[in-house]
N, C-alpha and C. Protein backbone atom coordinates (compact mmCIF):
# COMPACT_ATOMS: atom_id res chain seq x y z
N MET A 1 0.82 -1.19 0.00
CA MET A 1 0.00 0.00 0.00
C MET A 1 0.87 1.26 0.00
N GLU A 2 1.93 1.25 0.78
CA GLU A 2 2.84 2.40 0.84
C GLU A 2 3.48 2.66 -0.53
N GLU A 3 3.85 1.59 -1.23
CA GLU A 3 4.43 1.73 -2.57
C GLU A 3 3.43 2.35 -3.53
N HIS A 4 2.17 1.93 -3.44
CA HIS A 4 1.11 2.49 -4.30
C HIS A 4 0.94 3.98 -4.03
N ARG A 5 0.98 4.37 -2.76
CA ARG A 5 0.85 5.79 -2.39
C ARG A 5 2.02 6.60 -2.94
N ARG A 6 3.22 6.05 -2.87
CA ARG A 6 4.39 6.74 -3.40
C ARG A 6 4.28 6.90 -4.91
N GLN A 7 3.80 5.85 -5.60
CA GLN A 7 3.64 5.92 -7.05
C GLN A 7 2.60 6.98 -7.43
N ALA A 8 1.50 7.03 -6.69
CA ALA A 8 0.47 8.03 -6.96
C ALA A 8 1.03 9.44 -6.77
N ALA A 9 1.78 9.64 -5.70
CA ALA A 9 2.38 10.96 -5.46
C ALA A 9 3.36 11.31 -6.57
N ASP A 10 4.13 10.33 -7.04
CA ASP A 10 5.07 10.56 -8.15
C ASP A 10 4.32 10.95 -9.41
N MET A 11 3.19 10.29 -9.70
CA MET A 11 2.41 10.63 -10.89
C MET A 11 1.87 12.05 -10.80
N VAL A 12 1.38 12.42 -9.64
CA VAL A 12 0.87 13.78 -9.46
C VAL A 12 2.01 14.78 -9.61
N ARG A 13 3.18 14.50 -9.03
CA ARG A 13 4.35 15.40 -9.19
C ARG A 13 4.70 15.57 -10.66
N GLN A 14 4.67 14.47 -11.43
CA GLN A 14 4.99 14.54 -12.86
C GLN A 14 3.98 15.41 -13.59
N GLN A 15 2.70 15.24 -13.28
CA GLN A 15 1.68 16.05 -13.94
C GLN A 15 1.88 17.52 -13.60
N LEU A 16 2.12 17.82 -12.35
CA LEU A 16 2.28 19.22 -11.94
C LEU A 16 3.54 19.82 -12.56
N ALA A 17 4.61 19.05 -12.65
CA ALA A 17 5.84 19.55 -13.28
C ALA A 17 5.61 19.85 -14.75
N ALA A 18 4.86 18.98 -15.43
CA ALA A 18 4.59 19.19 -16.86
C ALA A 18 3.68 20.39 -17.08
N MET A 19 2.73 20.60 -16.17
CA MET A 19 1.81 21.74 -16.31
C MET A 19 2.46 23.04 -15.87
N ASP A 20 3.36 22.98 -14.90
CA ASP A 20 4.17 24.11 -14.48
C ASP A 20 3.36 25.35 -14.09
N ALA A 21 2.40 25.15 -13.20
CA ALA A 21 1.64 26.28 -12.65
C ALA A 21 1.95 26.37 -11.15
N ARG A 22 1.63 27.50 -10.56
CA ARG A 22 1.87 27.66 -9.12
C ARG A 22 0.68 27.20 -8.30
N ARG A 23 -0.52 27.31 -8.87
CA ARG A 23 -1.73 26.90 -8.17
C ARG A 23 -2.61 26.09 -9.12
N TYR A 24 -3.38 25.18 -8.51
CA TYR A 24 -4.23 24.27 -9.28
C TYR A 24 -5.65 24.26 -8.73
N GLU A 25 -6.59 24.15 -9.64
CA GLU A 25 -7.97 23.93 -9.26
C GLU A 25 -8.19 22.42 -9.25
N VAL A 26 -8.68 21.92 -8.15
CA VAL A 26 -8.90 20.49 -7.98
C VAL A 26 -10.39 20.30 -7.73
N GLY A 27 -10.98 19.36 -8.44
CA GLY A 27 -12.37 19.02 -8.21
C GLY A 27 -12.48 17.55 -7.85
N ILE A 28 -13.24 17.27 -6.82
CA ILE A 28 -13.51 15.90 -6.41
C ILE A 28 -14.99 15.69 -6.66
N LYS A 29 -15.32 14.92 -7.70
CA LYS A 29 -16.73 14.67 -8.03
C LYS A 29 -17.11 13.31 -7.48
N ARG A 30 -17.90 13.33 -6.42
CA ARG A 30 -18.31 12.10 -5.77
C ARG A 30 -19.36 11.37 -6.60
N ALA A 31 -19.54 10.10 -6.31
CA ALA A 31 -20.47 9.26 -7.07
C ALA A 31 -21.89 9.82 -7.08
N ASN A 32 -22.27 10.56 -6.05
CA ASN A 32 -23.61 11.14 -6.00
C ASN A 32 -23.72 12.44 -6.81
N GLY A 33 -22.62 12.83 -7.50
CA GLY A 33 -22.61 14.03 -8.32
C GLY A 33 -22.14 15.28 -7.60
N HIS A 34 -21.98 15.22 -6.29
CA HIS A 34 -21.52 16.37 -5.51
C HIS A 34 -20.06 16.68 -5.85
N MET A 35 -19.78 17.93 -6.20
CA MET A 35 -18.43 18.37 -6.54
C MET A 35 -17.84 19.16 -5.38
N ILE A 36 -16.64 18.77 -4.97
CA ILE A 36 -15.91 19.50 -3.93
C ILE A 36 -14.78 20.25 -4.64
N PRO A 37 -14.89 21.58 -4.76
CA PRO A 37 -13.83 22.35 -5.44
C PRO A 37 -12.77 22.83 -4.45
N ARG A 38 -11.54 22.85 -4.91
CA ARG A 38 -10.42 23.35 -4.10
C ARG A 38 -9.47 24.10 -5.02
N VAL A 39 -8.78 25.09 -4.49
CA VAL A 39 -7.65 25.73 -5.17
C VAL A 39 -6.45 25.51 -4.26
N LEU A 40 -5.42 24.84 -4.78
CA LEU A 40 -4.29 24.43 -3.96
C LEU A 40 -2.96 24.80 -4.62
N THR A 41 -1.99 25.14 -3.79
CA THR A 41 -0.62 25.29 -4.28
C THR A 41 -0.06 23.90 -4.54
N VAL A 42 1.08 23.83 -5.19
CA VAL A 42 1.72 22.55 -5.47
C VAL A 42 1.95 21.79 -4.17
N GLY A 43 2.52 22.45 -3.17
CA GLY A 43 2.81 21.79 -1.90
C GLY A 43 1.56 21.26 -1.22
N ARG A 44 0.50 22.06 -1.19
CA ARG A 44 -0.76 21.62 -0.57
C ARG A 44 -1.38 20.47 -1.36
N LEU A 45 -1.31 20.55 -2.68
CA LEU A 45 -1.87 19.47 -3.51
C LEU A 45 -1.12 18.17 -3.26
N LEU A 46 0.19 18.24 -3.22
CA LEU A 46 0.97 17.02 -2.95
C LEU A 46 0.64 16.46 -1.56
N GLY A 47 0.34 17.33 -0.62
CA GLY A 47 -0.04 16.89 0.71
C GLY A 47 -1.43 16.27 0.77
N GLN A 48 -2.22 16.46 -0.28
CA GLN A 48 -3.59 15.93 -0.32
C GLN A 48 -3.71 14.63 -1.11
N VAL A 49 -2.60 14.10 -1.63
CA VAL A 49 -2.65 12.92 -2.50
C VAL A 49 -3.33 11.73 -1.81
N ALA A 50 -3.01 11.46 -0.56
CA ALA A 50 -3.62 10.32 0.13
C ALA A 50 -5.14 10.50 0.23
N TRP A 51 -5.59 11.71 0.55
CA TRP A 51 -7.03 11.97 0.63
C TRP A 51 -7.68 11.82 -0.74
N LEU A 52 -7.03 12.36 -1.79
CA LEU A 52 -7.58 12.22 -3.14
C LEU A 52 -7.69 10.76 -3.54
N GLU A 53 -6.68 9.96 -3.20
CA GLU A 53 -6.73 8.53 -3.49
C GLU A 53 -7.89 7.86 -2.77
N ARG A 54 -8.10 8.22 -1.51
CA ARG A 54 -9.21 7.65 -0.74
C ARG A 54 -10.54 7.99 -1.41
N GLU A 55 -10.69 9.25 -1.79
CA GLU A 55 -11.92 9.68 -2.48
C GLU A 55 -12.11 8.88 -3.77
N ASN A 56 -11.03 8.69 -4.52
CA ASN A 56 -11.10 7.95 -5.77
C ASN A 56 -11.52 6.49 -5.54
N ARG A 57 -10.95 5.87 -4.52
CA ARG A 57 -11.32 4.48 -4.20
C ARG A 57 -12.78 4.37 -3.82
N GLN A 58 -13.36 5.45 -3.29
CA GLN A 58 -14.76 5.44 -2.89
C GLN A 58 -15.69 5.87 -4.02
N GLY A 59 -15.15 5.96 -5.24
CA GLY A 59 -15.99 6.22 -6.41
C GLY A 59 -15.93 7.63 -6.96
N ALA A 60 -15.12 8.51 -6.38
CA ALA A 60 -15.04 9.89 -6.87
C ALA A 60 -14.06 9.99 -8.03
N ASP A 61 -14.37 10.88 -8.97
CA ASP A 61 -13.42 11.25 -10.01
C ASP A 61 -12.65 12.46 -9.52
N ILE A 62 -11.36 12.50 -9.83
CA ILE A 62 -10.49 13.59 -9.39
C ILE A 62 -10.09 14.40 -10.61
N PHE A 63 -10.32 15.70 -10.55
CA PHE A 63 -10.02 16.60 -11.65
C PHE A 63 -8.94 17.58 -11.21
N ILE A 64 -7.95 17.81 -12.06
CA ILE A 64 -6.89 18.78 -11.75
C ILE A 64 -6.63 19.62 -13.00
N ARG A 65 -6.59 20.92 -12.81
CA ARG A 65 -6.22 21.83 -13.90
C ARG A 65 -5.47 23.01 -13.31
N PRO A 66 -4.63 23.65 -14.13
CA PRO A 66 -3.95 24.86 -13.64
C PRO A 66 -5.00 25.94 -13.32
N GLU A 67 -4.70 26.77 -12.34
CA GLU A 67 -5.58 27.89 -12.06
C GLU A 67 -5.32 28.95 -13.12
N GLY A 68 -6.35 29.34 -13.83
CA GLY A 68 -6.20 30.34 -14.88
C GLY A 68 -5.72 29.73 -16.18
N SER A 69 -5.64 30.56 -17.18
CA SER A 69 -5.21 30.13 -18.51
C SER A 69 -3.69 30.22 -18.58
N MET A 70 -3.02 29.07 -18.54
CA MET A 70 -1.57 29.02 -18.41
C MET A 70 -0.84 28.63 -19.70
N GLY A 71 -1.48 28.81 -20.84
CA GLY A 71 -0.85 28.39 -22.09
C GLY A 71 -1.07 26.92 -22.38
N LEU A 72 -1.89 26.26 -21.56
CA LEU A 72 -2.24 24.85 -21.75
C LEU A 72 -3.71 24.74 -22.12
N VAL A 73 -4.03 23.83 -23.02
CA VAL A 73 -5.42 23.54 -23.34
C VAL A 73 -5.64 22.04 -23.24
N LEU A 74 -6.87 21.67 -22.92
CA LEU A 74 -7.24 20.27 -22.80
C LEU A 74 -7.97 19.82 -24.05
N VAL A 75 -7.54 18.68 -24.59
CA VAL A 75 -8.23 18.05 -25.72
C VAL A 75 -8.66 16.68 -25.21
N ASP A 76 -9.95 16.40 -25.28
CA ASP A 76 -10.55 15.21 -24.69
C ASP A 76 -10.97 14.21 -25.77
N ASP A 77 -11.09 12.97 -25.36
CA ASP A 77 -11.58 11.87 -26.21
C ASP A 77 -10.67 11.61 -27.40
N LEU A 78 -9.41 11.42 -27.14
CA LEU A 78 -8.43 11.13 -28.19
C LEU A 78 -8.04 9.66 -28.15
N ASP A 79 -7.82 9.08 -29.33
CA ASP A 79 -7.30 7.72 -29.37
C ASP A 79 -5.79 7.77 -29.60
N GLU A 80 -5.16 6.60 -29.61
CA GLU A 80 -3.69 6.54 -29.80
C GLU A 80 -3.27 7.16 -31.13
N GLY A 81 -4.07 6.97 -32.17
CA GLY A 81 -3.73 7.54 -33.48
C GLY A 81 -3.69 9.06 -33.44
N ALA A 82 -4.67 9.65 -32.76
CA ALA A 82 -4.72 11.11 -32.65
C ALA A 82 -3.51 11.63 -31.86
N LEU A 83 -3.15 10.92 -30.79
CA LEU A 83 -1.98 11.33 -30.01
C LEU A 83 -0.71 11.25 -30.86
N GLY A 84 -0.61 10.21 -31.68
CA GLY A 84 0.54 10.08 -32.58
C GLY A 84 0.58 11.20 -33.61
N ARG A 85 -0.58 11.55 -34.17
CA ARG A 85 -0.63 12.65 -35.15
C ARG A 85 -0.25 13.98 -34.50
N MET A 86 -0.71 14.18 -33.27
CA MET A 86 -0.35 15.41 -32.56
C MET A 86 1.17 15.51 -32.41
N ALA A 87 1.78 14.42 -31.98
CA ALA A 87 3.24 14.41 -31.79
C ALA A 87 3.95 14.65 -33.12
N SER A 88 3.47 14.01 -34.18
CA SER A 88 4.07 14.20 -35.51
C SER A 88 3.94 15.64 -35.99
N ASP A 89 2.88 16.30 -35.57
CA ASP A 89 2.64 17.69 -35.96
C ASP A 89 3.37 18.69 -35.05
N GLY A 90 4.18 18.17 -34.11
CA GLY A 90 4.91 19.05 -33.20
C GLY A 90 4.10 19.53 -32.01
N LEU A 91 2.99 18.84 -31.72
CA LEU A 91 2.13 19.22 -30.61
C LEU A 91 2.09 18.12 -29.55
N ALA A 92 3.24 17.57 -29.22
CA ALA A 92 3.29 16.51 -28.21
C ALA A 92 2.69 17.03 -26.91
N PRO A 93 1.69 16.34 -26.37
CA PRO A 93 1.06 16.81 -25.13
C PRO A 93 2.04 16.83 -23.95
N ALA A 94 1.79 17.77 -23.04
CA ALA A 94 2.57 17.83 -21.80
C ALA A 94 2.13 16.70 -20.87
N VAL A 95 0.84 16.39 -20.86
CA VAL A 95 0.27 15.35 -20.01
C VAL A 95 -0.78 14.60 -20.80
N VAL A 96 -0.76 13.27 -20.70
CA VAL A 96 -1.79 12.43 -21.30
C VAL A 96 -2.35 11.53 -20.20
N VAL A 97 -3.68 11.47 -20.11
CA VAL A 97 -4.35 10.62 -19.14
C VAL A 97 -5.26 9.67 -19.91
N GLU A 98 -5.09 8.37 -19.68
CA GLU A 98 -6.02 7.40 -20.26
C GLU A 98 -7.20 7.30 -19.30
N THR A 99 -8.36 7.82 -19.73
CA THR A 99 -9.52 7.90 -18.86
C THR A 99 -10.40 6.66 -18.94
N SER A 100 -10.27 5.91 -19.99
CA SER A 100 -10.92 4.61 -20.15
C SER A 100 -10.11 3.87 -21.21
N PRO A 101 -10.34 2.58 -21.38
CA PRO A 101 -9.51 1.85 -22.36
C PRO A 101 -9.50 2.54 -23.74
N ARG A 102 -8.29 2.89 -24.19
CA ARG A 102 -8.05 3.49 -25.51
C ARG A 102 -8.67 4.88 -25.69
N ASN A 103 -9.00 5.54 -24.58
CA ASN A 103 -9.56 6.89 -24.65
C ASN A 103 -8.71 7.79 -23.75
N HIS A 104 -8.27 8.92 -24.31
CA HIS A 104 -7.31 9.77 -23.59
C HIS A 104 -7.74 11.23 -23.56
N GLN A 105 -7.22 11.93 -22.57
CA GLN A 105 -7.26 13.38 -22.52
C GLN A 105 -5.82 13.86 -22.58
N ALA A 106 -5.61 14.96 -23.28
CA ALA A 106 -4.26 15.49 -23.42
C ALA A 106 -4.25 16.98 -23.09
N TRP A 107 -3.31 17.37 -22.23
CA TRP A 107 -3.02 18.77 -21.98
C TRP A 107 -1.90 19.16 -22.94
N VAL A 108 -2.18 20.13 -23.80
CA VAL A 108 -1.23 20.55 -24.83
C VAL A 108 -0.78 21.97 -24.53
N ARG A 109 0.54 22.17 -24.47
CA ARG A 109 1.07 23.51 -24.25
C ARG A 109 1.11 24.22 -25.60
N VAL A 110 0.31 25.28 -25.71
CA VAL A 110 0.23 26.04 -26.95
C VAL A 110 0.95 27.38 -26.85
N SER A 111 1.39 27.72 -25.63
CA SER A 111 2.12 28.96 -25.41
C SER A 111 2.97 28.80 -24.15
N PRO A 112 4.17 29.38 -24.15
CA PRO A 112 5.01 29.30 -22.95
C PRO A 112 4.53 30.24 -21.83
N THR A 113 3.59 31.12 -22.17
CA THR A 113 3.07 32.08 -21.20
C THR A 113 1.54 31.99 -21.20
N PRO A 114 0.90 32.52 -20.16
CA PRO A 114 -0.56 32.52 -20.13
C PRO A 114 -1.14 33.21 -21.36
N ILE A 115 -2.29 32.71 -21.81
CA ILE A 115 -3.00 33.32 -22.94
C ILE A 115 -4.42 33.67 -22.50
N GLU A 116 -5.04 34.56 -23.24
CA GLU A 116 -6.40 34.97 -22.92
C GLU A 116 -7.33 33.76 -22.96
N PRO A 117 -8.27 33.68 -22.03
CA PRO A 117 -9.20 32.55 -22.00
C PRO A 117 -9.95 32.30 -23.31
N THR A 118 -10.36 33.36 -23.99
CA THR A 118 -11.08 33.15 -25.25
C THR A 118 -10.17 32.53 -26.30
N LEU A 119 -8.91 32.94 -26.33
CA LEU A 119 -7.96 32.35 -27.27
C LEU A 119 -7.69 30.89 -26.90
N ALA A 120 -7.57 30.61 -25.61
CA ALA A 120 -7.36 29.23 -25.17
C ALA A 120 -8.53 28.34 -25.58
N THR A 121 -9.75 28.84 -25.40
CA THR A 121 -10.93 28.06 -25.79
C THR A 121 -10.96 27.83 -27.29
N MET A 122 -10.69 28.87 -28.07
CA MET A 122 -10.68 28.73 -29.53
C MET A 122 -9.62 27.71 -29.95
N THR A 123 -8.46 27.77 -29.33
CA THR A 123 -7.37 26.84 -29.66
C THR A 123 -7.78 25.41 -29.31
N ALA A 124 -8.37 25.22 -28.14
CA ALA A 124 -8.83 23.88 -27.75
C ALA A 124 -9.85 23.35 -28.74
N ARG A 125 -10.75 24.19 -29.20
CA ARG A 125 -11.77 23.76 -30.17
C ARG A 125 -11.14 23.38 -31.51
N LEU A 126 -10.17 24.17 -31.94
CA LEU A 126 -9.49 23.84 -33.20
C LEU A 126 -8.75 22.50 -33.09
N LEU A 127 -8.06 22.29 -31.97
CA LEU A 127 -7.35 21.03 -31.78
C LEU A 127 -8.32 19.85 -31.68
N ALA A 128 -9.44 20.05 -30.99
CA ALA A 128 -10.44 18.98 -30.89
C ALA A 128 -10.97 18.63 -32.28
N GLU A 129 -11.21 19.64 -33.09
CA GLU A 129 -11.70 19.39 -34.45
C GLU A 129 -10.64 18.68 -35.29
N ARG A 130 -9.43 19.15 -35.23
CA ARG A 130 -8.35 18.59 -36.05
C ARG A 130 -8.00 17.15 -35.68
N TYR A 131 -8.09 16.83 -34.37
CA TYR A 131 -7.67 15.50 -33.92
C TYR A 131 -8.84 14.63 -33.45
N ASP A 132 -10.05 14.99 -33.90
CA ASP A 132 -11.25 14.20 -33.61
C ASP A 132 -11.51 14.05 -32.12
N GLY A 133 -11.27 15.12 -31.38
CA GLY A 133 -11.56 15.13 -29.95
C GLY A 133 -12.99 15.56 -29.70
N ASP A 134 -13.34 15.73 -28.46
CA ASP A 134 -14.69 16.11 -28.05
C ASP A 134 -14.82 17.63 -28.01
N PRO A 135 -15.58 18.21 -28.95
CA PRO A 135 -15.71 19.67 -28.96
C PRO A 135 -16.44 20.21 -27.72
N ALA A 136 -17.27 19.39 -27.08
CA ALA A 136 -17.99 19.85 -25.89
C ALA A 136 -17.05 20.06 -24.71
N SER A 137 -15.89 19.43 -24.73
CA SER A 137 -14.91 19.59 -23.66
C SER A 137 -13.86 20.64 -23.99
N ALA A 138 -13.96 21.26 -25.14
CA ALA A 138 -12.96 22.23 -25.59
C ALA A 138 -13.28 23.60 -25.02
N ASP A 139 -12.83 23.81 -23.80
CA ASP A 139 -13.06 25.06 -23.10
C ASP A 139 -11.89 25.25 -22.14
N TRP A 140 -11.40 26.45 -22.00
CA TRP A 140 -10.23 26.67 -21.15
C TRP A 140 -10.51 26.35 -19.69
N ARG A 141 -11.76 26.32 -19.26
CA ARG A 141 -12.10 26.03 -17.87
C ARG A 141 -12.51 24.57 -17.64
N HIS A 142 -12.40 23.73 -18.64
CA HIS A 142 -12.82 22.33 -18.50
C HIS A 142 -11.91 21.62 -17.51
N LEU A 143 -12.51 20.83 -16.63
CA LEU A 143 -11.73 20.02 -15.70
C LEU A 143 -11.41 18.69 -16.34
N ASP A 144 -10.19 18.23 -16.20
CA ASP A 144 -9.84 16.92 -16.75
C ASP A 144 -9.88 15.87 -15.66
N VAL A 145 -10.17 14.65 -16.05
CA VAL A 145 -10.19 13.55 -15.10
C VAL A 145 -8.76 13.07 -14.94
N SER A 146 -8.11 13.51 -13.87
CA SER A 146 -6.71 13.14 -13.66
C SER A 146 -6.58 11.77 -13.03
N SER A 147 -7.61 11.31 -12.44
CA SER A 147 -7.59 10.01 -11.80
C SER A 147 -9.02 9.51 -11.84
N ASP A 148 -9.26 8.45 -12.57
CA ASP A 148 -10.63 7.98 -12.66
C ASP A 148 -10.78 6.63 -12.01
N ASN A 149 -11.94 6.05 -12.15
CA ASN A 149 -12.23 4.78 -11.51
C ASN A 149 -11.98 3.61 -12.44
N THR A 150 -11.23 3.81 -13.50
CA THR A 150 -10.91 2.76 -14.44
C THR A 150 -9.56 2.17 -14.07
N PRO A 151 -9.50 0.86 -13.80
CA PRO A 151 -8.22 0.27 -13.40
C PRO A 151 -7.11 0.48 -14.42
N SER A 152 -7.46 0.70 -15.68
CA SER A 152 -6.42 0.83 -16.71
C SER A 152 -5.88 2.25 -16.83
N SER A 153 -6.35 3.16 -15.97
CA SER A 153 -5.89 4.55 -16.09
C SER A 153 -4.37 4.62 -16.02
N GLN A 154 -3.77 5.29 -17.02
CA GLN A 154 -2.32 5.43 -17.09
C GLN A 154 -1.97 6.88 -17.30
N TRP A 155 -0.77 7.25 -16.92
CA TRP A 155 -0.28 8.59 -17.14
C TRP A 155 0.96 8.51 -17.98
N ALA A 156 1.05 9.34 -18.98
CA ALA A 156 2.26 9.43 -19.77
C ALA A 156 2.65 10.90 -19.82
N ILE A 157 3.85 11.18 -19.48
CA ILE A 157 4.32 12.56 -19.44
C ILE A 157 5.39 12.75 -20.49
N ASP A 158 5.25 13.80 -21.27
CA ASP A 158 6.27 14.15 -22.25
C ASP A 158 6.73 15.56 -21.90
N HIS A 159 7.93 15.67 -21.41
CA HIS A 159 8.46 17.00 -21.05
C HIS A 159 9.18 17.66 -22.22
N GLY A 160 9.07 17.09 -23.39
CA GLY A 160 9.69 17.69 -24.55
C GLY A 160 11.17 17.40 -24.65
N ASP A 161 11.67 16.43 -23.88
CA ASP A 161 13.10 16.09 -23.91
C ASP A 161 13.44 15.27 -25.13
């Protein structure tokens, strides 16, 4: 159990390093639909990993996104082919989360600095259209499922190295 907790904390650290924000909006959506919103610094978020894991084991989905528009956009409902095309096009995602078998969400860095929310939303919509993602999730304020209730959930981080 301790090893699993360490691995979960490592995955969260990797996601936060790839997103590179100072504060994060975290949503815990319980099975009854109740959403618990939080805004946490990196240190506070890392200190909450055990609690987030407990919530997840009890059926809650965990959502994490940077606070504000940080030059990252979320593209949802991507398959492996779409992720490969993105990488080939020079848009390798900073973070990829497999939310269900063969279905992914990708955080794509489109700017090294924060961008206006309307531009971020337009960019997310264009990427969703180009890579056959979900246009309904193409919004700069969309929460991504960083940890779901699917045993196959995987994290892949590309830091551009």
